Structures are given as structure tokens and as C-alpha cells.
Protein backbone atom coordinates (compact mmCIF):
# COMPACT_ATOMS: atom_id res chain seq x y z
CA MET A 1 0.00 0.00 0.00
CA ILE A 2 2.86 2.37 0.81
CA ASN A 3 4.53 1.62 -2.50
CA SER A 4 1.39 2.39 -4.49
CA LEU A 5 0.83 5.72 -2.71
CA SER A 6 4.39 7.00 -2.45
CA GLN A 7 4.70 8.23 -6.04
CA PRO A 8 1.45 10.28 -6.30
CA LEU A 9 1.79 11.62 -2.76
CA THR A 10 5.30 12.85 -3.46
CA ALA A 11 4.06 14.55 -6.60
CA VAL A 12 1.31 16.33 -4.68
CA ALA A 13 3.77 17.49 -2.02
CA ASN A 14 6.17 18.89 -4.60
CA LEU A 15 3.31 20.66 -6.37
CA ALA A 16 2.04 22.33 -3.22
CA LEU A 17 5.41 23.29 -1.77
CA ILE A 18 6.85 24.89 -4.87
CA SER A 19 8.16 28.43 -4.28
CA PRO A 20 10.34 30.94 -6.20
CA VAL A 21 13.40 30.40 -4.01
CA THR A 22 15.82 30.73 -6.92
CA ASN A 23 14.20 33.78 -8.48
CA ILE A 24 15.00 37.36 -7.42
CA GLY A 25 11.62 38.49 -8.73
CA TYR A 26 11.13 42.00 -10.06
CA GLN A 27 13.49 43.93 -7.82
CA PRO A 28 13.12 47.75 -7.79
CA ILE A 29 16.48 49.52 -7.53
CA SER A 30 17.72 53.09 -7.22
CA SER A 31 18.95 54.89 -10.33
CA VAL A 32 21.69 56.56 -8.26
CA ASP A 33 23.58 53.66 -6.67
CA PHE A 34 21.49 50.71 -7.96
CA SER A 35 20.66 49.58 -4.43
CA ASN A 36 17.37 47.87 -3.56
CA ILE A 37 14.72 50.45 -2.69
CA ALA A 38 11.72 48.17 -2.07
CA GLN A 39 10.72 44.57 -1.72
CA ALA A 40 10.65 42.56 -4.92
CA PHE A 41 7.31 41.35 -6.25
CA TYR A 42 6.44 38.08 -7.97
CA PHE A 43 3.77 36.74 -10.28
CA HIS A 44 1.98 33.49 -9.55
CA ALA A 45 3.31 31.98 -12.78
CA GLU A 46 5.62 33.17 -15.55
CA MET A 47 4.71 31.84 -18.98
CA ASP A 48 7.16 33.42 -21.46
CA ASN A 49 10.56 35.07 -21.15
CA ASP A 50 11.97 36.80 -24.24
CA VAL A 51 15.37 38.52 -24.45
CA ASP A 52 16.05 40.66 -27.52
CA LEU A 53 19.68 41.48 -28.41
CA GLU A 54 19.96 43.77 -31.41
CA ALA A 55 22.75 45.70 -33.11
CA GLU A 56 22.74 48.22 -35.95
CA VAL A 57 25.47 48.24 -38.59
CA THR A 58 26.02 51.34 -40.74
CA ASP A 59 26.20 51.02 -44.53
CA ASN A 60 28.40 53.54 -46.35
CA PHE A 61 28.13 53.40 -50.14
CA LEU A 62 31.08 54.22 -52.39
CA GLU A 63 31.24 55.61 -55.94
CA ASP A 64 31.61 52.14 -57.51
CA ASN A 65 28.30 51.00 -55.94
CA THR A 66 30.01 48.99 -53.25
CA PHE A 67 29.50 49.60 -49.59
CA VAL A 68 31.45 49.16 -46.41
CA ASN A 69 30.32 48.49 -42.84
CA ASP A 70 32.52 50.49 -40.53
CA HIS A 71 30.41 51.08 -37.44
CA ILE A 72 28.37 48.78 -35.16
CA VAL A 73 26.07 50.08 -32.43
CA LEU A 74 24.70 47.77 -29.77
CA LYS A 75 21.12 48.69 -28.94
CA PRO A 76 19.87 48.40 -25.34
CA THR A 77 18.77 44.92 -24.31
CA VAL A 78 14.99 44.40 -24.27
CA VAL A 79 13.35 41.81 -22.00
CA MET A 80 9.69 40.84 -22.38
CA VAL A 81 7.90 38.76 -19.74
CA ARG A 82 4.41 37.27 -19.92
CA ALA A 83 3.00 36.17 -16.58
CA VAL A 84 -0.32 35.56 -14.82
CA GLN A 85 -1.76 36.58 -11.46
CA GLY A 86 -4.87 34.95 -10.01
CA GLU A 87 -7.04 34.91 -6.93
CA VAL A 88 -6.68 31.15 -6.34
CA THR A 89 -3.03 30.15 -6.32
CA MET A 90 -3.58 26.46 -5.49
CA VAL A 91 -6.53 24.19 -6.19
CA LEU A 92 -7.59 21.19 -4.14
CA PRO A 93 -6.51 18.00 -5.98
CA SER A 94 -8.31 14.70 -5.65
CA LEU A 95 -5.23 13.13 -4.04
CA GLY A 96 -5.37 15.51 -1.06
CA PRO A 97 -8.09 13.70 0.92
CA LEU A 98 -6.52 10.38 -0.08
CA GLY A 99 -3.28 11.47 1.53
CA VAL A 100 -5.06 12.44 4.73
CA MET A 101 -6.96 9.13 4.75
CA ALA A 102 -3.71 7.23 4.35
CA GLN A 103 -2.13 9.27 7.12
CA ASN A 104 -5.05 8.49 9.45
CA ILE A 105 -5.49 4.80 8.64
CA LEU A 106 -1.95 3.55 8.28
CA PRO A 107 -0.92 4.24 11.90
CA VAL A 108 -3.97 2.25 13.07
CA ILE A 109 -2.92 -0.88 11.24
CA SER A 110 0.75 -0.37 12.02
CA ALA A 111 0.41 -2.68 15.03
CA PHE A 112 -0.33 -5.53 12.64
CA SER A 113 2.38 -4.67 10.15
CA PRO A 114 6.05 -3.74 10.20
CA SER A 115 6.89 -0.15 11.12
CA PHE A 116 7.14 2.50 8.43
CA SER A 117 10.45 3.08 6.77
CA VAL A 118 12.06 6.51 6.92
CA SER A 119 11.15 7.25 3.30
CA ALA A 120 7.53 6.21 3.83
CA GLN A 121 7.23 8.41 6.90
CA ASN A 122 8.68 11.34 4.94
CA VAL A 123 6.02 10.84 2.27
CA ILE A 124 3.28 10.89 4.91
CA ASN A 125 4.69 14.03 6.53
CA GLN A 126 5.05 15.82 3.20
CA THR A 127 1.50 14.87 2.23
CA THR A 128 0.09 16.19 5.49
CA GLN A 129 1.90 19.49 5.11
CA ALA A 130 0.91 19.79 1.45
CA TYR A 131 -2.75 19.09 2.20
CA GLN A 132 -2.78 21.69 4.98
CA GLU A 133 -1.40 24.36 2.65
CA ILE A 134 -3.82 23.43 -0.13
CA ASN A 135 -6.76 23.41 2.29
CA ALA A 136 -5.78 26.84 3.64
CA ALA A 137 -5.60 28.24 0.10
CA ALA A 138 -8.99 26.75 -0.76
CA ASN A 139 -10.58 28.27 2.36
CA GLY A 140 -9.15 31.69 1.59
CA ALA A 141 -10.20 31.56 -2.07
CA SER A 142 -13.87 32.32 -1.35
CA ALA A 143 -13.04 35.66 0.30
CA ALA A 144 -10.78 36.64 -2.60
CA ILE A 145 -13.38 35.72 -5.20
CA ASN A 146 -16.15 37.51 -3.32
CA SER A 147 -14.06 40.68 -3.31
CA LEU A 148 -14.20 40.70 -7.12
CA SER A 149 -17.86 41.72 -6.91
CA GLY A 150 -16.78 45.23 -5.94
CA ALA A 151 -18.05 45.08 -2.38
CA THR A 152 -14.65 46.16 -1.11
CA GLY A 153 -14.23 48.90 -3.70
CA ALA A 154 -11.85 49.33 -6.60
CA ASN A 155 -8.62 51.18 -7.16
CA VAL A 156 -8.95 54.75 -8.46
CA ILE A 157 -6.46 56.32 -10.88
CA THR A 158 -6.75 60.07 -11.39
CA ALA A 159 -6.04 62.15 -14.48
CA HIS A 160 -2.73 63.22 -12.93
CA GLY A 161 -1.56 59.61 -12.72
CA GLN A 162 -1.95 59.20 -8.97
CA ILE A 163 -3.37 55.84 -7.87
CA GLN A 164 -5.62 55.52 -4.83
CA THR A 165 -5.61 51.92 -3.70
CA ASN A 166 -8.36 50.22 -1.78
CA PRO A 167 -7.39 48.82 1.66
CA THR A 168 -8.73 45.36 0.75
CA GLN A 169 -7.40 44.46 -2.66
CA THR A 170 -7.61 41.35 -4.76
CA GLN A 171 -4.44 39.66 -5.94
CA GLN A 172 -4.89 41.19 -9.38
CA GLN A 173 -5.41 44.69 -7.97
CA THR A 174 -2.36 44.38 -5.73
CA ILE A 175 0.04 43.39 -8.49
CA PHE A 176 -1.32 46.05 -10.85
CA SER A 177 -0.96 48.72 -8.14
CA GLN A 178 2.70 47.81 -7.70
CA ILE A 179 3.41 47.84 -11.43
CA TYR A 180 1.58 51.12 -11.93
CA LYS A 181 3.44 52.79 -9.06
CA TYR A 182 6.87 51.91 -10.45
CA TRP A 183 5.82 52.77 -14.00
CA PHE A 184 4.60 56.22 -12.93
CA GLN A 185 7.70 56.91 -10.81
CA GLN A 186 9.85 56.61 -13.92
CA SER A 187 8.68 60.11 -14.87
CA SER A 188 10.67 61.46 -11.93
CA PHE A 189 13.88 63.00 -13.26
CA ALA A 190 15.39 63.10 -9.78
CA GLN A 191 15.34 59.37 -9.08
CA PRO A 192 13.31 57.11 -11.37
CA SER A 193 12.60 53.53 -10.32
CA LEU A 194 14.62 50.93 -12.22
CA PHE A 195 14.68 47.14 -11.95
CA ASN A 196 16.85 44.07 -11.74
CA ILE A 197 15.21 41.43 -13.97
CA GLN A 198 16.07 37.75 -13.83
CA THR A 199 15.57 35.64 -16.95
CA PRO A 200 16.40 31.98 -17.59
CA TYR A 201 19.62 33.22 -19.20
CA ALA A 202 20.95 36.02 -16.99
CA ILE A 203 20.08 38.86 -14.63
CA PHE A 204 19.85 42.17 -16.50
CA THR A 205 20.35 45.52 -14.76
CA PRO A 206 19.41 48.36 -14.74
CA MET A 207 16.13 47.97 -16.63
CA ALA A 208 13.30 50.45 -17.16
CA LEU A 209 9.66 49.40 -17.46
CA VAL A 210 8.71 50.74 -20.88
CA SER A 211 5.34 49.01 -21.27
CA CYS A 212 2.79 46.95 -19.37
CA LYS A 213 -0.22 45.23 -20.90
CA ALA A 214 -2.74 43.87 -18.39
CA ARG A 215 -5.42 41.62 -19.88
CA GLN A 216 -8.34 39.67 -18.45
CA ASN A 217 -10.07 37.55 -21.07
CA ALA A 218 -13.71 36.56 -21.24
CA GLU A 219 -13.13 33.09 -19.79
CA THR A 220 -12.44 34.10 -16.20
CA VAL A 221 -12.53 37.02 -13.78
CA THR A 222 -10.09 35.45 -11.33
CA VAL A 223 -6.94 35.41 -13.50
CA SER A 224 -5.21 38.26 -15.34
CA GLU A 225 -2.36 38.11 -17.80
CA PHE A 226 0.43 40.69 -17.70
CA THR A 227 2.95 41.38 -20.44
CA LEU A 228 5.86 43.53 -19.26
CA THR A 229 8.59 44.97 -21.46
CA PHE A 230 11.84 46.18 -19.91
CA LYS A 231 14.63 48.08 -21.63
CA MET A 232 18.18 48.45 -20.39
CA VAL A 233 19.11 51.98 -19.30
CA ARG A 234 22.52 53.46 -19.99
CA ILE A 235 23.12 56.36 -17.66
CA ILE A 236 25.50 59.09 -18.83
CA ASN A 237 28.57 59.61 -16.69
CA ASP A 238 29.13 63.36 -16.37
CA ALA A 239 32.76 62.93 -15.26
CA ALA A 240 35.43 63.93 -17.80
CA GLN A 241 36.84 60.93 -19.63
CA GLN A 242 40.31 60.80 -21.16
CA THR A 243 39.92 58.82 -24.36
CA THR A 244 42.21 58.11 -27.29
CA SER A 245 40.79 58.18 -30.80
CA ILE A 246 41.28 55.05 -32.90
CA GLY A 247 40.49 54.04 -36.45
CA ARG A 248 38.97 56.63 -38.77
CA ALA A 249 38.50 59.12 -35.94
CA ALA A 250 42.25 59.08 -35.26
CA ASN A 251 43.10 59.57 -38.95
CA LEU A 252 40.70 62.48 -39.42
CA ALA A 253 41.36 64.19 -36.11
CA ALA A 254 42.98 67.60 -36.38
CA PRO A 255 46.40 67.77 -34.71
CA LEU A 256 46.83 69.93 -31.64
CA VAL A 257 49.08 72.86 -32.57
CA TYR A 258 50.68 75.27 -30.09
CA ASN A 259 50.66 78.80 -31.50
CA GLY A 260 52.09 80.68 -28.53
CA ASN A 261 50.39 82.97 -26.06
CA SER A 262 47.96 85.75 -26.89
CA VAL A 263 48.31 88.85 -24.72
CA PRO A 264 44.97 90.62 -24.33
CA THR A 265 44.86 94.40 -24.80
CA SER A 266 42.15 96.77 -23.70
CA SER A 267 39.83 98.19 -26.36
CA PRO A 268 40.18 101.98 -26.97
CA SER A 269 37.28 104.08 -25.75
CA LEU A 270 35.12 106.05 -28.14
CA SER A 271 36.18 109.37 -26.64
CA SER A 272 39.84 108.70 -27.31
CA GLN A 273 39.12 108.41 -31.02
CA LEU A 274 37.47 111.86 -31.29
CA PRO A 275 39.40 114.96 -32.44
CA SER A 276 40.69 117.09 -29.61
CA GLY A 277 38.78 120.15 -30.86
CA GLY A 278 35.49 118.35 -31.00
CA PHE A 279 32.93 118.63 -33.80
């Protein structure tokens, strides 16, 4: 009996206990020193991650109808993420009650059978913990779904871009409020909000949120899809840089010539140029 239950029970435990422990999330950072300025936020599930690397090569045409490529510009990296946020993060699977039944019955018959192995006991413990988490999520789902009716109020966004959030928000309202806040703060020239973004390939920083598309289709009111586009920001360094020209710039650069010192002289006044006898 233990052998037949161990595989599905382990699968249920892994499903319920999954968490983004290896993901830094969407981490807001300062544009001054790139330090973390707020807690990172997560989506319930990320569906697509796209990274766009693009370069532009100049084409210079010559008199004989040939052309040369002598300059390559690397455009800022663009990251696009498609993710979902819902009111019910975990659903109650059919194996949940089975795990509880096994956990309740097996100790009763243990007196008539050999004791559980360590691996079997671990499966039972994991199943119990998984079922408790799933049951808690299922119990809290009704309150979240009921809040979608508008009884708790909705967020209000004014013409000036300020967002007034409701004290009791749904999961979809909460994540949208966070995204909108950081998107709007980018208009601040003093200190816009930037991000560290983790993809399956690398962590890109600093990134600006250039677009957000929030969509709730006609099939459900409990799940929303978000498509975020981030673009890498290159901040100008205002410190003087000593650089040496190379290539064509070095060949065409005008040489620095020392022509001696120029001694300034005062300009003559208008009265000194008039005849002594006057007009």
C-alpha cells in the first residue's frame, strides 16, 4: 500500500510546496547607486521570457556601388515577460483527501504490520503538510473571489496619474498597483525607479519598465495576464573621460598645434578716437 501511494503523494507534495526560491523576482532599484529600494514582487506563474539582443550596422556606399560596414552600435537589451496573477493560487486535488486518509489509517494498522520506513514516513509528513497548505488556500479563495464583486471597492487612478488603492485588494489589484506605481515613478527625473530582472539566461540591470499590458479575457474574472517589457538603461557619466581616438576618428582628427600665447589688450574708448577740438 505504501509503494502504491508514495509516487502520487510525493508529486502532490512537490506541487504544493513549490516556491520561487531561486528567483530574485522584479526587484526595484535606485537609479543613483542601484541599491534595492523596495521589496521585490512576484507573479503566480511566468509563462514566457523573451530577451532581444539587437545591433545596428552602418552602410556607407562608395562611388563604384560597393558599400562598407565600418560602425556597429549595440542597442539596449529588451526583455519581455508574460505572466499571470490569479485569486486562487492552489486548487484542491483529488489526491489531497486520499493522503489524509492514508495518514489516518496507516498508523492504526501499524500494530499488525512492520513499522514504516524513513522514506515512507517522509512521504506521509510531506503529504500532510501539502494538504494543509492546499486546504488553507482553498478556504481563503472564497473571500478573494467575493471581493471581485466590488463590495470592497476598486482602485482609483486620477487624471494626474496618482493611484488611490483600496485597503482590501484582490491579488490582481495588488500586483497592478505595484506595477503602476513603479511605471509612474519613472517620470521622476530626480530618481526614477529601475529594476533588476532575472531571466532563464541572466540577470539584467538596470532595466526600465517601458510598457505593461494587463489583460483579463472573457473566460475568467479570477486570473489576469500581464505582459511587461523592460529596456536596459545606460546612464550618462558626467565625469570627464580621457579617451584616445582610434580608427577613422584618429586619422581624421585635427592635430593639436601650439601657436604661442595671446596677450589681451584693452579696447580703446570712443572718446579717445574723437578729435581734440570736438565737432
